[in-house]
Amino acid sequence: MLLFCDTSALVKLLIDEPESAQIHQATERAGLIAACRITWAEAMAAMARRQRDDPTSAEDIEQARQRLIRLWSSFTIVEVSQQLVEVAGRYADGFALRAYDSVQLAAAHTLHLTSEQPVTFACYDRRLNQAARLLQLEVLP
C-alpha cells in the first residue's frame, strides 16, 4: 500500500497529537509514504505557528522539523505541475475546497490513477476526506 499523507496527517506523524497513533500504525503498514511537494512548506508553517502559539514547545518542534528533514527523502513526492494545479482548480470549485487542500487532493488522485499499488489517503479534514471518497480514493478510517 502507498499511503498519501496530506499535511494534517504528516504533522500527526511528526508531533504527538490526537490520532497520532493511527497515522503511525498506517505508516508501518504502508510500503511507501507519499506527499505533495507543497506539504513541506505547509508542515513547516504549521510547526512555526505552533511554536509561536506555545513557545514552551520549541524543543519538541525543533525535533519534529529535524524528523521531517530526515524522512522527506524517503517519501514519494508528487510534484506540482500546471496540469496538477488545473485539476486542483476544478476540485476547489467542484468540492468547495481551499486552494492547497485541492492541490493535496489532486496530487493524491493523480497518484491513485498512475500508481501500480493501491493508494490510501491520510487526512484529518472532513470535507477533504469526503471529496477523496467521491473520487474513489481509499481514505484512512
N, C-alpha and C. Protein backbone atom coordinates (compact mmCIF):
# COMPACT_ATOMS: atom_id res chain seq x y z
N MET A 1 0.84 -1.19 0.00
CA MET A 1 0.00 0.00 0.00
C MET A 1 0.88 1.24 0.00
N LEU A 2 0.42 2.24 -0.72
CA LEU A 2 1.07 3.54 -0.76
C LEU A 2 0.20 4.49 0.05
N LEU A 3 0.74 5.08 1.08
CA LEU A 3 0.00 5.98 1.95
C LEU A 3 0.31 7.41 1.58
N PHE A 4 -0.69 8.13 1.06
CA PHE A 4 -0.53 9.54 0.73
C PHE A 4 -0.94 10.35 1.95
N CYS A 5 -0.01 11.12 2.49
CA CYS A 5 -0.28 11.95 3.66
C CYS A 5 -0.43 13.40 3.26
N ASP A 6 -1.58 13.98 3.58
CA ASP A 6 -1.67 15.43 3.43
C ASP A 6 -0.98 16.03 4.65
N THR A 7 -0.96 17.34 4.74
CA THR A 7 -0.21 17.99 5.82
C THR A 7 -0.74 17.64 7.19
N SER A 8 -2.06 17.57 7.34
CA SER A 8 -2.63 17.25 8.65
C SER A 8 -2.17 15.88 9.14
N ALA A 9 -2.06 14.93 8.24
CA ALA A 9 -1.59 13.59 8.60
C ALA A 9 -0.09 13.60 8.87
N LEU A 10 0.66 14.30 8.04
CA LEU A 10 2.10 14.33 8.23
C LEU A 10 2.49 14.98 9.56
N VAL A 11 1.80 16.04 9.93
CA VAL A 11 2.10 16.70 11.21
C VAL A 11 1.83 15.75 12.36
N LYS A 12 0.78 14.93 12.27
CA LYS A 12 0.49 13.95 13.31
C LYS A 12 1.56 12.87 13.39
N LEU A 13 2.25 12.66 12.29
CA LEU A 13 3.37 11.73 12.27
C LEU A 13 4.60 12.33 12.96
N LEU A 14 4.73 13.63 12.89
CA LEU A 14 5.91 14.32 13.41
C LEU A 14 5.75 14.79 14.86
N ILE A 15 4.52 15.12 15.25
CA ILE A 15 4.23 15.71 16.56
C ILE A 15 3.14 14.88 17.22
N ASP A 16 3.28 14.62 18.48
CA ASP A 16 2.27 13.84 19.20
C ASP A 16 0.99 14.67 19.33
N GLU A 17 -0.06 14.19 18.67
CA GLU A 17 -1.38 14.83 18.67
C GLU A 17 -2.43 13.73 18.77
N PRO A 18 -3.68 14.13 19.00
CA PRO A 18 -4.75 13.12 18.88
C PRO A 18 -4.66 12.47 17.49
N GLU A 19 -4.90 11.21 17.40
CA GLU A 19 -4.83 10.39 16.19
C GLU A 19 -3.40 10.12 15.70
N SER A 20 -2.37 10.56 16.43
CA SER A 20 -1.00 10.25 16.00
C SER A 20 -0.76 8.74 15.97
N ALA A 21 -1.32 8.02 16.93
CA ALA A 21 -1.13 6.56 16.95
C ALA A 21 -1.68 5.93 15.68
N GLN A 22 -2.83 6.44 15.20
CA GLN A 22 -3.44 5.89 13.99
C GLN A 22 -2.53 6.08 12.78
N ILE A 23 -1.96 7.27 12.63
CA ILE A 23 -1.12 7.52 11.47
C ILE A 23 0.20 6.75 11.58
N HIS A 24 0.72 6.58 12.80
CA HIS A 24 1.93 5.77 12.98
C HIS A 24 1.67 4.32 12.56
N GLN A 25 0.53 3.77 12.95
CA GLN A 25 0.18 2.40 12.56
C GLN A 25 0.03 2.29 11.05
N ALA A 26 -0.60 3.27 10.44
CA ALA A 26 -0.79 3.25 8.99
C ALA A 26 0.54 3.32 8.25
N THR A 27 1.48 4.13 8.74
CA THR A 27 2.77 4.23 8.06
C THR A 27 3.57 2.94 8.22
N GLU A 28 3.38 2.25 9.32
CA GLU A 28 4.06 0.96 9.50
C GLU A 28 3.54 -0.08 8.52
N ARG A 29 2.24 -0.03 8.22
CA ARG A 29 1.64 -0.98 7.27
C ARG A 29 1.94 -0.61 5.81
N ALA A 30 2.21 0.65 5.57
CA ALA A 30 2.42 1.12 4.20
C ALA A 30 3.79 0.69 3.67
N GLY A 31 3.81 0.36 2.41
CA GLY A 31 5.08 0.08 1.77
C GLY A 31 5.86 1.35 1.51
N LEU A 32 5.13 2.39 1.12
CA LEU A 32 5.72 3.69 0.84
C LEU A 32 4.81 4.79 1.37
N ILE A 33 5.42 5.93 1.66
CA ILE A 33 4.67 7.11 2.06
C ILE A 33 4.85 8.14 0.96
N ALA A 34 3.76 8.77 0.58
CA ALA A 34 3.80 9.80 -0.46
C ALA A 34 3.27 11.11 0.10
N ALA A 35 3.74 12.20 -0.51
CA ALA A 35 3.28 13.53 -0.13
C ALA A 35 3.42 14.43 -1.35
N CYS A 36 2.64 15.48 -1.36
CA CYS A 36 2.76 16.50 -2.39
C CYS A 36 3.91 17.44 -2.02
N ARG A 37 4.59 17.98 -3.01
CA ARG A 37 5.72 18.87 -2.77
C ARG A 37 5.35 20.02 -1.82
N ILE A 38 4.14 20.55 -1.90
CA ILE A 38 3.73 21.68 -1.06
C ILE A 38 3.63 21.31 0.42
N THR A 39 3.57 20.03 0.72
CA THR A 39 3.41 19.59 2.10
C THR A 39 4.58 20.05 2.96
N TRP A 40 5.75 20.12 2.37
CA TRP A 40 6.93 20.60 3.11
C TRP A 40 6.66 22.00 3.68
N ALA A 41 6.26 22.91 2.81
CA ALA A 41 6.00 24.30 3.24
C ALA A 41 4.85 24.36 4.23
N GLU A 42 3.79 23.61 3.96
CA GLU A 42 2.65 23.63 4.87
C GLU A 42 3.03 23.08 6.25
N ALA A 43 3.80 22.01 6.28
CA ALA A 43 4.21 21.42 7.56
C ALA A 43 5.12 22.36 8.33
N MET A 44 6.08 22.96 7.64
CA MET A 44 6.98 23.91 8.31
C MET A 44 6.18 25.10 8.86
N ALA A 45 5.21 25.58 8.09
CA ALA A 45 4.39 26.70 8.55
C ALA A 45 3.55 26.30 9.76
N ALA A 46 2.99 25.09 9.74
CA ALA A 46 2.18 24.62 10.87
C ALA A 46 3.03 24.50 12.13
N MET A 47 4.24 24.00 11.97
CA MET A 47 5.12 23.87 13.14
C MET A 47 5.54 25.24 13.66
N ALA A 48 5.82 26.17 12.77
CA ALA A 48 6.19 27.53 13.20
C ALA A 48 5.05 28.20 13.93
N ARG A 49 3.83 28.03 13.43
CA ARG A 49 2.66 28.60 14.10
C ARG A 49 2.49 27.99 15.50
N ARG A 50 2.66 26.69 15.59
CA ARG A 50 2.52 26.02 16.89
C ARG A 50 3.57 26.56 17.87
N GLN A 51 4.78 26.76 17.39
CA GLN A 51 5.83 27.29 18.26
C GLN A 51 5.53 28.73 18.69
N ARG A 52 5.00 29.54 17.78
CA ARG A 52 4.63 30.90 18.15
C ARG A 52 3.52 30.90 19.20
N ASP A 53 2.54 30.00 19.01
CA ASP A 53 1.41 29.92 19.94
C ASP A 53 1.82 29.36 21.30
N ASP A 54 2.84 28.51 21.32
CA ASP A 54 3.28 27.88 22.56
C ASP A 54 4.81 27.84 22.58
N PRO A 55 5.44 28.93 23.00
CA PRO A 55 6.90 29.00 22.98
C PRO A 55 7.57 27.88 23.79
N THR A 56 6.87 27.30 24.75
CA THR A 56 7.47 26.21 25.53
C THR A 56 7.64 24.94 24.71
N SER A 57 7.03 24.90 23.52
CA SER A 57 7.13 23.71 22.67
C SER A 57 8.34 23.76 21.73
N ALA A 58 9.17 24.76 21.85
CA ALA A 58 10.27 24.98 20.89
C ALA A 58 11.15 23.74 20.69
N GLU A 59 11.51 23.07 21.76
CA GLU A 59 12.39 21.90 21.64
C GLU A 59 11.68 20.77 20.89
N ASP A 60 10.41 20.52 21.23
CA ASP A 60 9.64 19.48 20.54
C ASP A 60 9.46 19.81 19.07
N ILE A 61 9.21 21.07 18.77
CA ILE A 61 9.01 21.49 17.38
C ILE A 61 10.31 21.34 16.59
N GLU A 62 11.42 21.68 17.19
CA GLU A 62 12.71 21.52 16.50
C GLU A 62 12.99 20.05 16.22
N GLN A 63 12.65 19.18 17.14
CA GLN A 63 12.81 17.74 16.90
C GLN A 63 11.91 17.29 15.76
N ALA A 64 10.69 17.82 15.70
CA ALA A 64 9.77 17.48 14.61
C ALA A 64 10.32 17.97 13.26
N ARG A 65 10.89 19.17 13.24
CA ARG A 65 11.49 19.68 12.00
C ARG A 65 12.62 18.77 11.54
N GLN A 66 13.46 18.38 12.47
CA GLN A 66 14.59 17.50 12.12
C GLN A 66 14.10 16.15 11.63
N ARG A 67 13.03 15.66 12.21
CA ARG A 67 12.46 14.39 11.76
C ARG A 67 11.93 14.52 10.34
N LEU A 68 11.25 15.64 10.04
CA LEU A 68 10.77 15.87 8.68
C LEU A 68 11.94 15.90 7.71
N ILE A 69 12.99 16.59 8.06
CA ILE A 69 14.18 16.66 7.19
C ILE A 69 14.73 15.26 6.93
N ARG A 70 14.81 14.44 7.96
CA ARG A 70 15.33 13.07 7.79
C ARG A 70 14.40 12.20 6.95
N LEU A 71 13.11 12.30 7.17
CA LEU A 71 12.15 11.43 6.50
C LEU A 71 11.87 11.82 5.05
N TRP A 72 11.95 13.11 4.75
CA TRP A 72 11.48 13.62 3.46
C TRP A 72 12.07 12.87 2.27
N SER A 73 13.34 12.57 2.31
CA SER A 73 13.98 11.92 1.15
C SER A 73 13.47 10.49 0.94
N SER A 74 12.82 9.90 1.94
CA SER A 74 12.28 8.55 1.78
C SER A 74 10.86 8.55 1.21
N PHE A 75 10.24 9.72 1.10
CA PHE A 75 8.87 9.81 0.61
C PHE A 75 8.84 9.82 -0.92
N THR A 76 7.75 9.32 -1.46
CA THR A 76 7.44 9.51 -2.87
C THR A 76 6.79 10.88 -2.97
N ILE A 77 7.40 11.76 -3.75
CA ILE A 77 6.91 13.14 -3.84
C ILE A 77 6.14 13.34 -5.13
N VAL A 78 4.94 13.89 -4.99
CA VAL A 78 4.14 14.26 -6.16
C VAL A 78 4.45 15.73 -6.43
N GLU A 79 4.97 15.98 -7.61
CA GLU A 79 5.36 17.33 -7.99
C GLU A 79 4.15 18.17 -8.40
N VAL A 80 4.25 19.45 -8.19
CA VAL A 80 3.21 20.39 -8.60
C VAL A 80 3.53 20.83 -10.03
N SER A 81 2.60 20.58 -10.91
CA SER A 81 2.76 20.95 -12.32
C SER A 81 1.54 21.77 -12.75
N GLN A 82 1.61 22.32 -13.93
CA GLN A 82 0.47 23.07 -14.46
C GLN A 82 -0.77 22.18 -14.55
N GLN A 83 -0.58 20.96 -15.02
CA GLN A 83 -1.70 20.03 -15.13
C GLN A 83 -2.31 19.74 -13.75
N LEU A 84 -1.47 19.54 -12.76
CA LEU A 84 -1.96 19.26 -11.41
C LEU A 84 -2.74 20.44 -10.84
N VAL A 85 -2.24 21.66 -11.03
CA VAL A 85 -2.97 22.81 -10.48
C VAL A 85 -4.27 23.09 -11.24
N GLU A 86 -4.32 22.72 -12.50
CA GLU A 86 -5.58 22.85 -13.23
C GLU A 86 -6.63 21.88 -12.68
N VAL A 87 -6.21 20.65 -12.42
CA VAL A 87 -7.11 19.68 -11.78
C VAL A 87 -7.52 20.20 -10.41
N ALA A 88 -6.55 20.71 -9.66
CA ALA A 88 -6.84 21.25 -8.33
C ALA A 88 -7.85 22.39 -8.40
N GLY A 89 -7.74 23.22 -9.41
CA GLY A 89 -8.70 24.30 -9.58
C GLY A 89 -10.11 23.78 -9.79
N ARG A 90 -10.23 22.71 -10.57
CA ARG A 90 -11.56 22.10 -10.77
C ARG A 90 -12.06 21.50 -9.46
N TYR A 91 -11.17 20.88 -8.69
CA TYR A 91 -11.58 20.29 -7.41
C TYR A 91 -11.97 21.38 -6.40
N ALA A 92 -11.24 22.49 -6.41
CA ALA A 92 -11.57 23.58 -5.49
C ALA A 92 -12.99 24.06 -5.75
N ASP A 93 -13.33 24.20 -7.01
CA ASP A 93 -14.67 24.64 -7.38
C ASP A 93 -15.70 23.55 -7.11
N GLY A 94 -15.45 22.37 -7.62
CA GLY A 94 -16.43 21.29 -7.54
C GLY A 94 -16.71 20.77 -6.15
N PHE A 95 -15.68 20.79 -5.28
CA PHE A 95 -15.84 20.26 -3.92
C PHE A 95 -15.82 21.35 -2.85
N ALA A 96 -15.77 22.60 -3.26
CA ALA A 96 -15.72 23.74 -2.33
C ALA A 96 -14.55 23.60 -1.35
N LEU A 97 -13.36 23.39 -1.91
CA LEU A 97 -12.15 23.20 -1.11
C LEU A 97 -11.29 24.46 -1.10
N ARG A 98 -10.49 24.59 -0.05
CA ARG A 98 -9.48 25.64 -0.02
C ARG A 98 -8.40 25.29 -1.04
N ALA A 99 -7.62 26.29 -1.41
CA ALA A 99 -6.65 26.13 -2.50
C ALA A 99 -5.69 24.97 -2.29
N TYR A 100 -4.94 24.99 -1.19
CA TYR A 100 -3.95 23.92 -1.00
C TYR A 100 -4.60 22.58 -0.71
N ASP A 101 -5.79 22.57 -0.13
CA ASP A 101 -6.50 21.30 0.03
C ASP A 101 -6.81 20.69 -1.33
N SER A 102 -7.20 21.52 -2.28
CA SER A 102 -7.49 21.00 -3.61
C SER A 102 -6.22 20.49 -4.30
N VAL A 103 -5.08 21.12 -4.03
CA VAL A 103 -3.81 20.64 -4.59
C VAL A 103 -3.46 19.28 -3.97
N GLN A 104 -3.65 19.15 -2.66
CA GLN A 104 -3.39 17.87 -1.99
C GLN A 104 -4.26 16.77 -2.60
N LEU A 105 -5.54 17.07 -2.79
CA LEU A 105 -6.46 16.08 -3.35
C LEU A 105 -6.07 15.72 -4.78
N ALA A 106 -5.72 16.71 -5.58
CA ALA A 106 -5.30 16.44 -6.96
C ALA A 106 -4.04 15.59 -6.98
N ALA A 107 -3.12 15.85 -6.07
CA ALA A 107 -1.89 15.05 -6.01
C ALA A 107 -2.19 13.61 -5.64
N ALA A 108 -3.04 13.42 -4.63
CA ALA A 108 -3.39 12.06 -4.21
C ALA A 108 -4.13 11.32 -5.32
N HIS A 109 -5.07 12.01 -5.97
CA HIS A 109 -5.84 11.36 -7.03
C HIS A 109 -4.96 11.02 -8.23
N THR A 110 -4.05 11.91 -8.57
CA THR A 110 -3.11 11.64 -9.67
C THR A 110 -2.28 10.41 -9.35
N LEU A 111 -1.80 10.33 -8.12
CA LEU A 111 -1.01 9.17 -7.69
C LEU A 111 -1.86 7.91 -7.78
N HIS A 112 -3.10 8.00 -7.35
CA HIS A 112 -4.04 6.87 -7.41
C HIS A 112 -4.20 6.38 -8.85
N LEU A 113 -4.30 7.31 -9.79
CA LEU A 113 -4.51 6.94 -11.19
C LEU A 113 -3.26 6.38 -11.85
N THR A 114 -2.09 6.76 -11.36
CA THR A 114 -0.84 6.36 -12.03
C THR A 114 -0.05 5.28 -11.30
N SER A 115 -0.40 5.01 -10.06
CA SER A 115 0.37 4.05 -9.26
C SER A 115 -0.04 2.62 -9.56
N GLU A 116 0.92 1.73 -9.49
CA GLU A 116 0.64 0.31 -9.66
C GLU A 116 0.14 -0.32 -8.37
N GLN A 117 0.27 0.39 -7.25
CA GLN A 117 -0.21 -0.13 -5.98
C GLN A 117 -1.36 0.70 -5.46
N PRO A 118 -2.16 0.10 -4.59
CA PRO A 118 -3.29 0.86 -4.04
C PRO A 118 -2.80 2.05 -3.21
N VAL A 119 -3.55 3.14 -3.30
CA VAL A 119 -3.21 4.37 -2.58
C VAL A 119 -4.28 4.60 -1.51
N THR A 120 -3.83 4.87 -0.30
CA THR A 120 -4.73 5.26 0.78
C THR A 120 -4.44 6.71 1.12
N PHE A 121 -5.50 7.49 1.23
CA PHE A 121 -5.41 8.92 1.51
C PHE A 121 -5.51 9.14 3.01
N ALA A 122 -4.48 9.71 3.60
CA ALA A 122 -4.47 10.01 5.04
C ALA A 122 -4.63 11.52 5.22
N CYS A 123 -5.72 11.89 5.87
CA CYS A 123 -6.06 13.29 6.03
C CYS A 123 -6.99 13.42 7.23
N TYR A 124 -6.92 14.53 7.91
CA TYR A 124 -7.77 14.76 9.08
C TYR A 124 -8.66 15.99 8.88
N ASP A 125 -9.20 16.10 7.67
CA ASP A 125 -10.13 17.16 7.33
C ASP A 125 -11.38 16.50 6.73
N ARG A 126 -12.51 16.70 7.36
CA ARG A 126 -13.75 16.03 6.96
C ARG A 126 -14.12 16.30 5.51
N ARG A 127 -14.12 17.56 5.12
CA ARG A 127 -14.52 17.92 3.75
C ARG A 127 -13.58 17.32 2.72
N LEU A 128 -12.29 17.38 3.00
CA LEU A 128 -11.31 16.82 2.07
C LEU A 128 -11.46 15.31 1.96
N ASN A 129 -11.72 14.64 3.07
CA ASN A 129 -11.96 13.19 3.03
C ASN A 129 -13.22 12.85 2.24
N GLN A 130 -14.26 13.65 2.39
CA GLN A 130 -15.48 13.40 1.62
C GLN A 130 -15.21 13.52 0.12
N ALA A 131 -14.45 14.53 -0.27
CA ALA A 131 -14.10 14.70 -1.68
C ALA A 131 -13.26 13.52 -2.17
N ALA A 132 -12.33 13.07 -1.36
CA ALA A 132 -11.49 11.93 -1.74
C ALA A 132 -12.34 10.68 -1.96
N ARG A 133 -13.30 10.46 -1.09
CA ARG A 133 -14.18 9.30 -1.26
C ARG A 133 -14.99 9.41 -2.56
N LEU A 134 -15.44 10.61 -2.89
CA LEU A 134 -16.17 10.80 -4.13
C LEU A 134 -15.31 10.49 -5.36
N LEU A 135 -14.00 10.68 -5.21
CA LEU A 135 -13.06 10.35 -6.29
C LEU A 135 -12.60 8.89 -6.21
N GLN A 136 -13.24 8.13 -5.33
CA GLN A 136 -12.99 6.70 -5.15
C GLN A 136 -11.61 6.40 -4.60
N LEU A 137 -11.09 7.31 -3.81
CA LEU A 137 -9.84 7.04 -3.09
C LEU A 137 -10.18 6.32 -1.79
N GLU A 138 -9.34 5.39 -1.41
CA GLU A 138 -9.49 4.78 -0.10
C GLU A 138 -8.99 5.80 0.91
N VAL A 139 -9.78 6.04 1.95
CA VAL A 139 -9.44 7.04 2.96
C VAL A 139 -9.13 6.34 4.27
N LEU A 140 -8.07 6.76 4.92
CA LEU A 140 -7.71 6.19 6.21
C LEU A 140 -8.87 6.41 7.17
N PRO A 141 -9.37 5.33 7.74
CA PRO A 141 -10.53 5.50 8.65
C PRO A 141 -10.19 6.33 9.87
